[in-house]
C-alpha atoms as a PDB file:
ATOM      1  CA  MET A   1     -13.907  24.346  15.678  1.00  0.00           C
ATOM      2  CA  VAL A   2     -11.813  21.404  17.599  1.00  0.00           C
ATOM      3  CA  GLU A   3     -11.312  18.343  16.242  1.00  0.00           C
ATOM      4  CA  ILE A   4     -10.194  15.290  18.484  1.00  0.00           C
ATOM      5  CA  PHE A   5      -8.585  12.366  16.791  1.00  0.00           C
ATOM      6  CA  LYS A   6      -6.979   8.623  18.229  1.00  0.00           C
ATOM      7  CA  THR A   7      -4.189   7.469  16.774  1.00  0.00           C
ATOM      8  CA  ASP A   8      -1.368   4.978  17.148  1.00  0.00           C
ATOM      9  CA  VAL A   9       1.525   7.159  16.612  1.00  0.00           C
ATOM     10  CA  CYS A  10       3.882   6.178  19.507  1.00  0.00           C
ATOM     11  CA  ASN A  11       7.025   9.044  19.743  1.00  0.00           C
ATOM     12  CA  THR A  12       7.415  12.522  19.188  1.00  0.00           C
ATOM     13  CA  GLN A  13       9.513  11.564  16.012  1.00  0.00           C
ATOM     14  CA  GLU A  14       6.247  10.158  14.447  1.00  0.00           C
ATOM     15  CA  ALA A  15       3.648  13.210  16.203  1.00  0.00           C
ATOM     16  CA  ALA A  16       6.344  15.896  14.615  1.00  0.00           C
ATOM     17  CA  ASP A  17       6.727  14.258  11.268  1.00  0.00           C
ATOM     18  CA  VAL A  18       2.849  14.108  11.181  1.00  0.00           C
ATOM     19  CA  VAL A  19       2.337  17.634  12.567  1.00  0.00           C
ATOM     20  CA  THR A  20       4.636  18.631   9.258  1.00  0.00           C
ATOM     21  CA  ALA A  21       2.463  17.375   6.698  1.00  0.00           C
ATOM     22  CA  LEU A  22      -1.098  18.659   8.360  1.00  0.00           C
ATOM     23  CA  LYS A  23       0.424  21.798   8.597  1.00  0.00           C
ATOM     24  CA  HIS A  24       1.485  21.855   4.900  1.00  0.00           C
ATOM     25  CA  LEU A  25      -2.324  21.373   4.739  1.00  0.00           C
ATOM     26  CA  LEU A  26      -3.696  23.814   7.703  1.00  0.00           C
ATOM     27  CA  PRO A  27      -0.814  26.060   8.448  1.00  0.00           C
ATOM     28  CA  LEU A  28      -3.157  28.292  10.556  1.00  0.00           C
ATOM     29  CA  HIS A  29      -4.399  25.860  12.307  1.00  0.00           C
ATOM     30  CA  LYS A  30      -3.036  24.845  16.147  1.00  0.00           C
ATOM     31  CA  ILE A  31      -2.234  21.133  16.010  1.00  0.00           C
ATOM     32  CA  ASN A  32      -0.778  18.942  18.488  1.00  0.00           C
ATOM     33  CA  PHE A  33      -0.424  15.771  20.164  1.00  0.00           C
ATOM     34  CA  ASP A  34      -1.306  14.142  23.832  1.00  0.00           C
ATOM     35  CA  LEU A  35       1.255  10.982  23.780  1.00  0.00           C
ATOM     36  CA  GLN A  36       0.478  10.428  27.276  1.00  0.00           C
ATOM     37  CA  ASP A  37      -2.923   9.746  26.325  1.00  0.00           C
ATOM     38  CA  CYS A  38      -4.004   6.222  26.411  1.00  0.00           C
ATOM     39  CA  ASP A  39      -5.579   7.094  22.778  1.00  0.00           C
ATOM     40  CA  LYS A  40      -2.175   8.967  22.094  1.00  0.00           C
ATOM     41  CA  VAL A  41      -4.708  11.631  21.303  1.00  0.00           C
ATOM     42  CA  LEU A  42      -4.345  14.884  17.960  1.00  0.00           C
ATOM     43  CA  ARG A  43      -5.852  17.937  18.721  1.00  0.00           C
ATOM     44  CA  ILE A  44      -6.122  20.086  15.802  1.00  0.00           C
ATOM     45  CA  GLU A  45      -7.714  23.603  16.434  1.00  0.00           C
ATOM     46  CA  GLY A  46      -9.130  26.167  13.819  1.00  0.00           C
ATOM     47  CA  VAL A  47     -11.820  27.375  11.059  1.00  0.00           C
ATOM     48  CA  GLY A  48     -12.617  24.792   8.457  1.00  0.00           C
ATOM     49  CA  ILE A  49     -11.223  21.434   9.347  1.00  0.00           C
ATOM     50  CA  ILE A  50     -12.429  18.290   7.096  1.00  0.00           C
ATOM     51  CA  ASN A  51     -12.167  15.327   8.719  1.00  0.00           C
ATOM     52  CA  HIS A  52     -11.513  12.874   6.302  1.00  0.00           C
ATOM     53  CA  VAL A  53      -8.710  15.130   5.013  1.00  0.00           C
ATOM     54  CA  ILE A  54      -7.102  14.793   7.951  1.00  0.00           C
ATOM     55  CA  ILE A  55      -7.448  11.308   8.625  1.00  0.00           C
ATOM     56  CA  GLU A  56      -5.935  10.659   5.173  1.00  0.00           C
ATOM     57  CA  THR A  57      -3.001  12.439   5.832  1.00  0.00           C
ATOM     58  CA  VAL A  58      -2.532  10.100   8.797  1.00  0.00           C
ATOM     59  CA  ILE A  59      -2.976   7.089   7.800  1.00  0.00           C
ATOM     60  CA  GLY A  60      -1.284   7.903   4.207  1.00  0.00           C
ATOM     61  CA  LYS A  61       1.628   8.243   7.158  1.00  0.00           C
ATOM     62  CA  GLY A  62       1.728   4.904   8.251  1.00  0.00           C
ATOM     63  CA  PHE A  63      -0.954   5.755  11.184  1.00  0.00           C
ATOM     64  CA  GLN A  64      -4.303   4.734  12.413  1.00  0.00           C
ATOM     65  CA  CYS A  65      -6.821   7.522  13.264  1.00  0.00           C
ATOM     66  CA  LYS A  66     -10.366   8.078  13.788  1.00  0.00           C
ATOM     67  CA  LEU A  67     -12.322  10.632  14.971  1.00  0.00           C
ATOM     68  CA  LEU A  68     -13.262  10.504  18.813  1.00  0.00           C
ATOM     69  CA  ASN A  69     -16.636  11.628  19.766  1.00  0.00           C
END
């Protein structure tokens, strides 16, 4: 399963902070950002992704986040 989220994360330090927080929740998942994309895409790959938990975690770090279809 792969989920793609649109964010407003701007730089690698912010991305690393978000990835660290998400890795605590999803340690076996592959998590990365494409900051070159206009949507500052957060990509999560793995089994058992719960979208609202991802969104709440990113928002809790001070960023916008919504699921891309």
